[in-house]
Amino acid sequence: MTMGLGIVLLLLGVWQGYASVRYFRQIKQHGTAGTSSFALLAAWSGAVMGIILIAAGIMALTGYFS
């Protein structure tokens, strides 16, 4: 059970990190004066969430939760 959960959390974390980097690059290339000032905060918090998911996935795979 924890093996499957760990793999799912790892995959979600990697995807979240990839999506955050992709969003940051989009803001950097296409951002204008009308771009919300909270856009970079959203990209940053997405990256942090990805790191948390990856850490939780590794902890689940190593048996920390059992």
C-alpha atoms as a PDB file:
ATOM      1  CA  MET A   1       0.000   0.000   0.000  1.00  0.00           C
ATOM      2  CA  THR A   2       2.698   2.522   0.923  1.00  0.00           C
ATOM      3  CA  MET A   3       4.725   1.535  -2.153  1.00  0.00           C
ATOM      4  CA  GLY A   4       1.898   2.589  -4.453  1.00  0.00           C
ATOM      5  CA  LEU A   5       1.295   5.760  -2.466  1.00  0.00           C
ATOM      6  CA  GLY A   6       4.990   6.622  -2.621  1.00  0.00           C
ATOM      7  CA  ILE A   7       5.127   6.185  -6.372  1.00  0.00           C
ATOM      8  CA  VAL A   8       1.993   8.289  -6.873  1.00  0.00           C
ATOM      9  CA  LEU A   9       3.348  11.050  -4.637  1.00  0.00           C
ATOM     10  CA  LEU A  10       6.691  11.031  -6.444  1.00  0.00           C
ATOM     11  CA  LEU A  11       5.009  11.280  -9.830  1.00  0.00           C
ATOM     12  CA  LEU A  12       2.762  14.096  -8.652  1.00  0.00           C
ATOM     13  CA  GLY A  13       5.743  15.953  -7.189  1.00  0.00           C
ATOM     14  CA  VAL A  14       7.765  15.663 -10.388  1.00  0.00           C
ATOM     15  CA  TRP A  15       4.794  16.807 -12.463  1.00  0.00           C
ATOM     16  CA  GLN A  16       4.164  19.752 -10.119  1.00  0.00           C
ATOM     17  CA  GLY A  17       7.797  20.814 -10.324  1.00  0.00           C
ATOM     18  CA  TYR A  18       7.740  20.581 -14.121  1.00  0.00           C
ATOM     19  CA  ALA A  19       4.513  22.591 -14.299  1.00  0.00           C
ATOM     20  CA  SER A  20       5.955  25.266 -12.004  1.00  0.00           C
ATOM     21  CA  VAL A  21       9.097  25.655 -14.102  1.00  0.00           C
ATOM     22  CA  ARG A  22       7.033  25.780 -17.289  1.00  0.00           C
ATOM     23  CA  TYR A  23       4.742  28.442 -15.782  1.00  0.00           C
ATOM     24  CA  PHE A  24       7.733  30.509 -14.602  1.00  0.00           C
ATOM     25  CA  ARG A  25       9.251  30.424 -18.088  1.00  0.00           C
ATOM     26  CA  GLN A  26       5.924  31.465 -19.608  1.00  0.00           C
ATOM     27  CA  ILE A  27       5.710  34.429 -17.223  1.00  0.00           C
ATOM     28  CA  LYS A  28       9.304  35.383 -17.992  1.00  0.00           C
ATOM     29  CA  GLN A  29       8.768  35.300 -21.764  1.00  0.00           C
ATOM     30  CA  HIS A  30       5.233  36.651 -22.077  1.00  0.00           C
ATOM     31  CA  GLY A  31       4.744  38.707 -18.933  1.00  0.00           C
ATOM     32  CA  THR A  32       3.775  42.339 -19.365  1.00  0.00           C
ATOM     33  CA  ALA A  33       2.941  45.220 -17.071  1.00  0.00           C
ATOM     34  CA  GLY A  34      -0.551  43.765 -16.827  1.00  0.00           C
ATOM     35  CA  THR A  35       0.697  40.487 -15.403  1.00  0.00           C
ATOM     36  CA  SER A  36      -0.349  39.993 -11.806  1.00  0.00           C
ATOM     37  CA  SER A  37       2.337  40.576  -9.248  1.00  0.00           C
ATOM     38  CA  PHE A  38       1.209  37.376  -7.548  1.00  0.00           C
ATOM     39  CA  ALA A  39       2.131  35.230 -10.572  1.00  0.00           C
ATOM     40  CA  LEU A  40       5.683  34.657  -9.349  1.00  0.00           C
ATOM     41  CA  LEU A  41       4.367  33.795  -5.905  1.00  0.00           C
ATOM     42  CA  ALA A  42       2.115  31.196  -7.526  1.00  0.00           C
ATOM     43  CA  ALA A  43       5.059  29.698  -9.423  1.00  0.00           C
ATOM     44  CA  TRP A  44       7.171  29.628  -6.249  1.00  0.00           C
ATOM     45  CA  SER A  45       4.463  28.021  -4.129  1.00  0.00           C
ATOM     46  CA  GLY A  46       3.913  25.413  -6.842  1.00  0.00           C
ATOM     47  CA  ALA A  47       7.602  24.531  -6.767  1.00  0.00           C
ATOM     48  CA  VAL A  48       7.536  24.260  -2.968  1.00  0.00           C
ATOM     49  CA  MET A  49       4.496  21.989  -3.170  1.00  0.00           C
ATOM     50  CA  GLY A  50       6.345  19.798  -5.671  1.00  0.00           C
ATOM     51  CA  ILE A  51       9.291  19.484  -3.276  1.00  0.00           C
ATOM     52  CA  ILE A  52       6.929  18.560  -0.442  1.00  0.00           C
ATOM     53  CA  LEU A  53       5.238  15.893  -2.578  1.00  0.00           C
ATOM     54  CA  ILE A  54       8.590  14.423  -3.617  1.00  0.00           C
ATOM     55  CA  ALA A  55       9.748  14.317   0.006  1.00  0.00           C
ATOM     56  CA  ALA A  56       6.498  12.642   1.080  1.00  0.00           C
ATOM     57  CA  GLY A  57       6.876  10.112  -1.743  1.00  0.00           C
ATOM     58  CA  ILE A  58      10.401   9.234  -0.669  1.00  0.00           C
ATOM     59  CA  MET A  59       9.264   8.927   2.935  1.00  0.00           C
ATOM     60  CA  ALA A  60       6.443   6.596   1.904  1.00  0.00           C
ATOM     61  CA  LEU A  61       8.789   4.450  -0.177  1.00  0.00           C
ATOM     62  CA  THR A  62      11.257   4.096   2.694  1.00  0.00           C
ATOM     63  CA  GLY A  63       8.538   3.017   5.109  1.00  0.00           C
ATOM     64  CA  TYR A  64       8.505   6.129   7.283  1.00  0.00           C
ATOM     65  CA  PHE A  65       4.698   6.129   7.565  1.00  0.00           C
ATOM     66  CA  SER A  66       4.303   2.456   8.521  1.00  0.00           C
END
